[in-house]
C-alpha atoms as a PDB file:
ATOM      1  CA  MET A   1       0.000   0.000   0.000  1.00  0.00           C
ATOM      2  CA  ASN A   2       2.873   2.354   0.782  1.00  0.00           C
ATOM      3  CA  PHE A   3       4.324   1.695  -2.656  1.00  0.00           C
ATOM      4  CA  ALA A   4       1.084   2.823  -4.296  1.00  0.00           C
ATOM      5  CA  LYS A   5       1.136   6.082  -2.302  1.00  0.00           C
ATOM      6  CA  TYR A   6       4.734   6.786  -3.273  1.00  0.00           C
ATOM      7  CA  ALA A   7       4.134   5.846  -6.888  1.00  0.00           C
ATOM      8  CA  LEU A   8       1.130   8.175  -7.061  1.00  0.00           C
ATOM      9  CA  ALA A   9       3.082  11.007  -5.444  1.00  0.00           C
ATOM     10  CA  ALA A  10       5.973  10.516  -7.866  1.00  0.00           C
ATOM     11  CA  ALA A  11       3.626  10.489 -10.846  1.00  0.00           C
ATOM     12  CA  LEU A  12       1.943  13.704  -9.689  1.00  0.00           C
ATOM     13  CA  CYS A  13       5.291  15.417  -9.160  1.00  0.00           C
ATOM     14  CA  ALA A  14       6.543  14.363 -12.574  1.00  0.00           C
ATOM     15  CA  ALA A  15       3.339  15.489 -14.285  1.00  0.00           C
ATOM     16  CA  SER A  16       3.251  18.869 -12.564  1.00  0.00           C
ATOM     17  CA  SER A  17       6.940  19.581 -13.089  1.00  0.00           C
ATOM     18  CA  THR A  18       6.645  19.229 -16.868  1.00  0.00           C
ATOM     19  CA  ALA A  19       4.275  22.184 -16.887  1.00  0.00           C
ATOM     20  CA  PHE A  20       7.190  24.476 -16.003  1.00  0.00           C
ATOM     21  CA  ILE A  21       9.683  23.126 -18.536  1.00  0.00           C
ATOM     22  CA  THR A  22       9.765  24.987 -21.850  1.00  0.00           C
ATOM     23  CA  PRO A  23       9.841  22.934 -25.050  1.00  0.00           C
ATOM     24  CA  LYS A  24      13.151  22.632 -26.862  1.00  0.00           C
ATOM     25  CA  ASN A  25      11.914  24.660 -29.836  1.00  0.00           C
ATOM     26  CA  ALA A  26      10.193  27.432 -27.816  1.00  0.00           C
ATOM     27  CA  ARG A  27      12.717  30.128 -28.710  1.00  0.00           C
ATOM     28  CA  VAL A  28      13.551  28.975 -32.212  1.00  0.00           C
ATOM     29  CA  SER A  29      12.681  31.545 -34.837  1.00  0.00           C
ATOM     30  CA  ARG A  30      11.507  30.455 -38.221  1.00  0.00           C
ATOM     31  CA  TYR A  31      14.323  32.563 -39.657  1.00  0.00           C
ATOM     32  CA  ASN A  32      17.849  31.292 -39.272  1.00  0.00           C
ATOM     33  CA  ALA A  33      20.625  33.607 -38.173  1.00  0.00           C
ATOM     34  CA  GLY A  34      21.815  34.096 -41.768  1.00  0.00           C
ATOM     35  CA  GLN A  35      18.424  34.957 -43.234  1.00  0.00           C
ATOM     36  CA  GLN A  36      17.083  38.461 -43.423  1.00  0.00           C
ATOM     37  CA  VAL A  37      13.788  39.129 -41.688  1.00  0.00           C
ATOM     38  CA  PRO A  38      11.310  40.938 -43.955  1.00  0.00           C
ATOM     39  CA  SER A  39      11.000  44.557 -42.905  1.00  0.00           C
ATOM     40  CA  ARG A  40       7.379  45.107 -43.886  1.00  0.00           C
ATOM     41  CA  VAL A  41       4.328  43.063 -44.529  1.00  0.00           C
ATOM     42  CA  MET A  42       2.129  43.915 -47.478  1.00  0.00           C
ATOM     43  CA  ALA A  43      -1.588  43.245 -47.648  1.00  0.00           C
ATOM     44  CA  ALA A  44      -4.088  43.560 -50.455  1.00  0.00           C
ATOM     45  CA  THR A  45      -6.860  46.111 -49.949  1.00  0.00           C
ATOM     46  CA  LEU A  46      -9.832  47.266 -51.950  1.00  0.00           C
ATOM     47  CA  ASP A  47      -9.649  50.631 -53.685  1.00  0.00           C
ATOM     48  CA  THR A  48     -12.917  51.805 -52.170  1.00  0.00           C
ATOM     49  CA  PRO A  49     -14.664  49.795 -49.507  1.00  0.00           C
ATOM     50  CA  THR A  50     -18.240  49.003 -50.412  1.00  0.00           C
ATOM     51  CA  THR A  51     -21.068  47.965 -48.164  1.00  0.00           C
ATOM     52  CA  GLU A  52     -24.553  46.930 -49.064  1.00  0.00           C
ATOM     53  CA  ALA A  53     -27.282  48.993 -47.458  1.00  0.00           C
ATOM     54  CA  ASP A  54     -29.903  46.975 -45.647  1.00  0.00           C
ATOM     55  CA  ALA A  55     -33.483  47.581 -46.666  1.00  0.00           C
ATOM     56  CA  GLY A  56     -34.641  46.878 -43.122  1.00  0.00           C
ATOM     57  CA  PRO A  57     -33.945  44.749 -40.112  1.00  0.00           C
ATOM     58  CA  SER A  58     -33.184  41.141 -40.844  1.00  0.00           C
ATOM     59  CA  VAL A  59     -35.448  38.713 -39.050  1.00  0.00           C
ATOM     60  CA  MET A  60     -33.784  35.539 -37.906  1.00  0.00           C
ATOM     61  CA  ARG A  61     -37.032  33.638 -37.531  1.00  0.00           C
ATOM     62  CA  PRO A  62     -40.690  34.321 -38.022  1.00  0.00           C
ATOM     63  CA  PRO A  63     -42.607  35.578 -34.980  1.00  0.00           C
ATOM     64  CA  ILE A  64     -44.269  33.059 -32.712  1.00  0.00           C
ATOM     65  CA  ASP A  65     -47.989  33.484 -33.382  1.00  0.00           C
ATOM     66  CA  PHE A  66     -49.677  30.493 -31.790  1.00  0.00           C
ATOM     67  CA  VAL A  67     -53.360  30.351 -31.036  1.00  0.00           C
ATOM     68  CA  TRP A  68     -53.776  29.727 -27.300  1.00  0.00           C
ATOM     69  CA  SER A  69     -56.632  27.300 -27.731  1.00  0.00           C
ATOM     70  CA  ASP A  70     -54.416  25.047 -29.885  1.00  0.00           C
ATOM     71  CA  VAL A  71     -51.574  25.222 -27.384  1.00  0.00           C
ATOM     72  CA  ALA A  72     -53.913  24.518 -24.471  1.00  0.00           C
ATOM     73  CA  SER A  73     -55.390  21.458 -26.168  1.00  0.00           C
ATOM     74  CA  GLN A  74     -51.878  20.108 -26.910  1.00  0.00           C
ATOM     75  CA  LEU A  75     -50.896  20.569 -23.259  1.00  0.00           C
ATOM     76  CA  VAL A  76     -53.856  18.493 -22.166  1.00  0.00           C
ATOM     77  CA  GLU A  77     -53.720  15.810 -24.876  1.00  0.00           C
ATOM     78  CA  LYS A  78     -50.000  15.296 -25.483  1.00  0.00           C
ATOM     79  CA  PHE A  79     -48.311  16.422 -22.273  1.00  0.00           C
ATOM     80  CA  GLY A  80     -50.820  15.223 -19.687  1.00  0.00           C
ATOM     81  CA  TYR A  81     -51.697  18.557 -18.097  1.00  0.00           C
ATOM     82  CA  SER A  82     -55.028  18.740 -16.346  1.00  0.00           C
ATOM     83  CA  GLN A  83     -57.540  21.330 -17.443  1.00  0.00           C
ATOM     84  CA  ALA A  84     -57.098  23.116 -14.097  1.00  0.00           C
ATOM     85  CA  GLU A  85     -53.340  23.423 -14.676  1.00  0.00           C
ATOM     86  CA  VAL A  86     -53.880  24.841 -18.159  1.00  0.00           C
ATOM     87  CA  ASP A  87     -56.466  27.300 -16.829  1.00  0.00           C
ATOM     88  CA  MET A  88     -53.859  28.714 -14.422  1.00  0.00           C
ATOM     89  CA  TYR A  89     -51.867  29.964 -17.448  1.00  0.00           C
ATOM     90  CA  ASP A  90     -54.892  31.463 -19.188  1.00  0.00           C
END
C-alpha cells in the first residue's frame, strides 16, 4: 500500500513539473541567423470599400404566433396537463 502512495506522489510530481519546462523549440525563430527578416508586410486592400445597405432589419425567424386554444389542447392531450393546470396559465 505504501508503494502505491509513493508511486502516485511521484507520478503527480513528474506530471506537474513538466508544466514548467519549456519545449526545446520554444525560442527557435523560423528565420535562421543568416536569413534576413522581412521589414514590412504587405496586404491587399480594396480601392474603395463598399457595403450593401440593408433595406430593413433582418429577421432571424418568423414571430411566434400560436393560437392559445391550440396550445392549451396540446398541453392536455400530449403532455398530460389537467384542465385546471392549463387554466392557471390562461
